[in-house]
Amino acid sequence: MSLISRLAEKSWETPGIDRYREPDSYRPAAATVGVYVYFGVATVIFTLLAAAYLVRMGVPGAVDHGTGDDWRPMPEPPLLWINTAILLLSSLAWEAATRASRRDDVPRMRTMVLAGNALGLLFLVGQVLLWWHYQTAGYYLSANPANAFFYLLTAIHGLHLAGGIFAGGRTLGQMAIRADGQRICRNVRLCTIYWHYLLAVWLLLAALLVAT
C-alpha cells in the first residue's frame, strides 16, 4: 500500500483492521501511541532533573567551581533496597501477566495483574515509610539541597507509579465486567511496558543517589 493511499484512508471505514490488534495492523492503537509519547515526556523530565541534580551537587566536570560546600549526601537505609526489590517483583509480576495473556490463561493473568498492582502499592507505602525514616532522623526537605532533590525525585517517580496503579486497577475492573478480551490483553501489555519503564527509571535514580 502506497503512502498516499494510506494517508487518504479513513481508518474508521477500513475493513479487516481491528484497532486493538497491534501486531497484525500497520497502525498502532491510540493508547499505545499515547503511552510511548508519555514515555518521551517523562524521560525528558527525569533527564532534566538528573542534570540539575549533578550540576547542583557540583560533580567535577559538571560545573567549574567544584563541589558545593552545602551539599551533604543522605545515608542509604536498608528500606531503600527493600523498596527496590519490591518494585522489581512488581515488574516481574506484570511480565508474568503479559505472558499469561499470550497463552489465554485468564486466571493466571488476573492473579498476576492483582499481584503487580498490590506490590506497586506496597512500594509506595515503603516510600512513605522511607520519607518518615529520613524525617525522624533529621533529614528535612529544607535542610539541605541533597535532601530536597531526593524528595523531589522520589515524589515525581511515586506520582508516575500511582498513575500505573490506577491503570492497573482499571484493567482489573475490565476483567471483572468481562470487557473485550483483546482490549484487556492490550492494556495488560501496556501496563507491563509502563512498569518496566518505571523500574528502569527507579534503578537509574537509585544509582545516581547512591553514587553521588
Protein backbone atom coordinates (compact mmCIF):
# COMPACT_ATOMS: atom_id res chain seq x y z
CA MET A 1 0.00 0.00 0.00
CA SER A 2 1.43 3.38 -1.02
CA LEU A 3 2.00 6.19 1.45
CA ILE A 4 -0.53 8.44 -0.32
CA SER A 5 -3.28 5.84 -0.18
CA ARG A 6 -2.56 5.19 3.49
CA LEU A 7 -2.79 8.89 4.30
CA ALA A 8 -6.04 9.20 2.39
CA GLU A 9 -7.57 6.14 4.02
CA LYS A 10 -10.37 6.62 6.54
CA SER A 11 -9.41 4.36 9.41
CA TRP A 12 -12.94 4.09 10.75
CA GLU A 13 -14.08 2.70 7.38
CA THR A 14 -11.15 0.33 6.83
CA PRO A 15 -12.37 -3.28 6.75
CA GLY A 16 -10.45 -6.09 8.38
CA ILE A 17 -8.46 -3.91 10.76
CA ASP A 18 -9.02 -4.50 14.46
CA ARG A 19 -7.86 -1.39 16.31
CA TYR A 20 -6.87 -3.48 19.33
CA ARG A 21 -4.69 -5.94 17.43
CA GLU A 22 -1.40 -4.12 17.18
CA PRO A 23 0.88 -6.91 15.86
CA ASP A 24 -1.32 -7.53 12.79
CA SER A 25 -2.01 -3.90 11.96
CA TYR A 26 0.28 -1.29 10.45
CA ARG A 27 -1.44 1.34 12.59
CA PRO A 28 -0.94 1.02 16.39
CA ALA A 29 -3.81 1.69 18.76
CA ALA A 30 -4.14 5.23 20.08
CA ALA A 31 -3.45 4.03 23.63
CA THR A 32 -0.12 2.56 22.55
CA VAL A 33 0.92 5.77 20.83
CA GLY A 34 -0.13 7.75 23.90
CA VAL A 35 1.96 5.58 26.23
CA TYR A 36 5.10 5.99 24.14
CA VAL A 37 4.58 9.74 23.85
CA TYR A 38 4.18 9.78 27.63
CA PHE A 39 7.48 7.90 27.93
CA GLY A 40 9.18 10.57 25.85
CA VAL A 41 7.86 13.40 28.02
CA ALA A 42 8.67 11.57 31.27
CA THR A 43 12.19 10.78 30.05
CA VAL A 44 12.82 14.45 29.33
CA ILE A 45 11.55 15.42 32.80
CA PHE A 46 13.70 12.88 34.63
CA THR A 47 16.75 13.70 32.47
CA LEU A 48 16.46 17.41 33.23
CA LEU A 49 16.06 16.71 36.94
CA ALA A 50 19.08 14.40 36.96
CA ALA A 51 21.14 17.03 35.14
CA ALA A 52 20.06 19.69 37.64
CA TYR A 53 20.97 17.29 40.47
CA LEU A 54 24.50 16.81 39.09
CA VAL A 55 25.03 20.50 38.44
CA ARG A 56 23.79 21.50 41.89
CA MET A 57 25.91 18.88 43.58
CA GLY A 58 28.96 20.11 41.71
CA VAL A 59 30.35 16.84 40.35
CA PRO A 60 33.80 17.51 38.83
CA GLY A 61 33.22 18.34 35.21
CA ALA A 62 29.60 19.34 35.74
CA VAL A 63 30.49 22.84 36.92
CA ASP A 64 33.72 24.79 37.11
CA HIS A 65 33.85 25.62 40.78
CA GLY A 66 33.84 22.05 42.13
CA THR A 67 31.69 20.53 44.82
CA GLY A 68 29.39 22.81 46.77
CA ASP A 69 30.16 23.05 50.49
CA ASP A 70 26.48 22.90 51.44
CA TRP A 71 25.88 19.53 49.75
CA ARG A 72 25.63 16.68 52.28
CA PRO A 73 24.56 13.30 50.82
CA MET A 74 21.83 11.33 52.57
CA PRO A 75 22.51 7.87 54.07
CA GLU A 76 21.27 4.65 52.45
CA PRO A 77 18.94 2.78 54.85
CA PRO A 78 18.03 -0.88 54.14
CA LEU A 79 14.47 0.21 53.35
CA LEU A 80 15.76 1.82 50.15
CA TRP A 81 16.88 -1.58 48.86
CA ILE A 82 13.79 -3.35 50.18
CA ASN A 83 11.61 -0.95 48.18
CA THR A 84 13.78 -1.56 45.11
CA ALA A 85 13.28 -5.32 45.46
CA ILE A 86 9.50 -4.83 45.83
CA LEU A 87 9.35 -2.77 42.63
CA LEU A 88 11.39 -5.43 40.82
CA LEU A 89 8.96 -8.13 41.95
CA SER A 90 6.05 -5.95 40.81
CA SER A 91 7.58 -5.60 37.37
CA LEU A 92 8.13 -9.37 37.18
CA ALA A 93 4.50 -9.96 38.13
CA TRP A 94 3.35 -7.75 35.27
CA GLU A 95 5.67 -9.60 32.89
CA ALA A 96 4.09 -12.88 34.04
CA ALA A 97 0.65 -11.36 33.40
CA THR A 98 1.61 -10.50 29.83
CA ARG A 99 2.91 -14.00 29.19
CA ALA A 100 -0.28 -15.45 30.61
CA SER A 101 -2.32 -13.22 28.27
CA ARG A 102 -0.45 -14.65 25.29
CA ARG A 103 -1.39 -18.17 26.41
CA ASP A 104 -5.02 -17.16 27.05
CA ASP A 105 -4.54 -18.14 30.69
CA VAL A 106 -7.09 -15.74 32.14
CA PRO A 107 -6.95 -16.88 35.81
CA ARG A 108 -3.17 -16.53 35.98
CA MET A 109 -3.28 -13.21 34.13
CA ARG A 110 -5.80 -11.86 36.66
CA THR A 111 -3.70 -13.14 39.57
CA MET A 112 -0.50 -11.60 38.24
CA VAL A 113 -2.19 -8.25 37.50
CA LEU A 114 -3.51 -8.19 41.05
CA ALA A 115 -0.06 -9.12 42.42
CA GLY A 116 1.69 -6.49 40.30
CA ASN A 117 -0.71 -3.78 41.42
CA ALA A 118 -0.53 -4.83 45.07
CA LEU A 119 3.28 -4.83 45.02
CA GLY A 120 3.24 -1.41 43.37
CA LEU A 121 1.04 -0.11 46.17
CA LEU A 122 3.37 -1.72 48.71
CA PHE A 123 6.29 0.10 47.06
CA LEU A 124 4.50 3.44 47.53
CA VAL A 125 3.84 2.61 51.18
CA GLY A 126 7.52 1.74 51.54
CA GLN A 127 8.48 5.09 50.01
CA VAL A 128 6.31 6.92 52.54
CA LEU A 129 7.98 4.94 55.32
CA LEU A 130 11.36 5.86 53.85
CA TRP A 131 10.41 9.54 53.95
CA TRP A 132 9.27 9.11 57.55
CA HIS A 133 12.60 7.46 58.40
CA TYR A 134 14.54 10.39 56.97
CA GLN A 135 12.28 12.93 58.66
CA THR A 136 12.71 11.35 62.09
CA ALA A 137 16.48 11.22 61.51
CA GLY A 138 16.51 14.99 60.85
CA TYR A 139 16.90 14.93 57.07
CA TYR A 140 14.26 17.55 56.32
CA LEU A 141 13.46 18.79 52.83
CA SER A 142 14.66 22.34 53.53
CA ALA A 143 17.76 21.35 55.50
CA ASN A 144 19.99 20.58 52.54
CA PRO A 145 19.89 20.67 48.71
CA ALA A 146 20.59 16.94 48.55
CA ASN A 147 17.54 16.31 50.72
CA ALA A 148 15.34 18.50 48.51
CA PHE A 149 16.40 16.67 45.35
CA PHE A 150 15.80 13.27 46.97
CA TYR A 151 12.26 14.18 48.00
CA LEU A 152 11.54 15.77 44.61
CA LEU A 153 12.83 12.84 42.53
CA THR A 154 11.12 10.18 44.62
CA ALA A 155 7.86 12.16 44.74
CA ILE A 156 7.70 12.52 40.95
CA HIS A 157 8.53 8.85 40.46
CA GLY A 158 5.86 7.96 43.02
CA LEU A 159 3.24 10.01 41.18
CA HIS A 160 4.07 8.20 37.94
CA LEU A 161 3.77 4.87 39.74
CA ALA A 162 0.43 5.90 41.23
CA GLY A 163 -0.77 6.51 37.66
CA GLY A 164 0.33 2.98 36.75
CA ILE A 165 -1.59 1.56 39.72
CA PHE A 166 -4.70 3.44 38.56
CA ALA A 167 -4.30 1.95 35.07
CA GLY A 168 -3.83 -1.49 36.57
CA GLY A 169 -6.96 -1.03 38.65
CA ARG A 170 -8.93 -0.12 35.53
CA THR A 171 -7.65 -3.28 33.86
CA LEU A 172 -8.83 -5.35 36.83
CA GLY A 173 -12.21 -3.62 36.57
CA GLN A 174 -12.42 -4.55 32.89
CA MET A 175 -11.70 -8.16 33.80
CA ALA A 176 -14.43 -8.09 36.43
CA ILE A 177 -17.08 -6.92 33.95
CA ARG A 178 -15.73 -9.24 31.24
CA ALA A 179 -14.90 -6.48 28.79
CA ASP A 180 -13.42 -7.09 25.35
CA GLY A 181 -10.63 -9.66 25.69
CA GLN A 182 -8.32 -8.07 23.14
CA ARG A 183 -8.60 -4.69 24.85
CA ILE A 184 -7.77 -6.27 28.21
CA CYS A 185 -4.73 -8.06 26.80
CA ARG A 186 -3.56 -4.84 25.16
CA ASN A 187 -3.93 -2.95 28.43
CA VAL A 188 -2.01 -5.64 30.30
CA ARG A 189 0.84 -5.37 27.79
CA LEU A 190 0.88 -1.58 28.05
CA CYS A 191 0.88 -1.71 31.86
CA THR A 192 3.77 -4.19 31.72
CA ILE A 193 5.81 -1.89 29.50
CA TYR A 194 4.94 1.03 31.76
CA TRP A 195 6.07 -0.88 34.85
CA HIS A 196 9.34 -1.92 33.21
CA TYR A 197 9.95 1.71 32.31
CA LEU A 198 9.33 2.90 35.88
CA LEU A 199 11.61 0.15 37.22
CA ALA A 200 14.39 1.29 34.88
CA VAL A 201 13.90 4.92 35.92
CA TRP A 202 13.97 3.98 39.61
CA LEU A 203 17.17 1.93 39.20
CA LEU A 204 18.84 4.87 37.47
CA LEU A 205 17.65 7.29 40.15
CA ALA A 206 18.80 4.98 42.93
CA ALA A 207 22.19 4.55 41.25
CA LEU A 208 22.50 8.32 40.90
CA LEU A 209 21.63 8.94 44.55
CA VAL A 210 23.94 6.19 45.81
CA ALA A 211 26.89 7.00 43.55
CA THR A 212 26.85 10.69 44.49
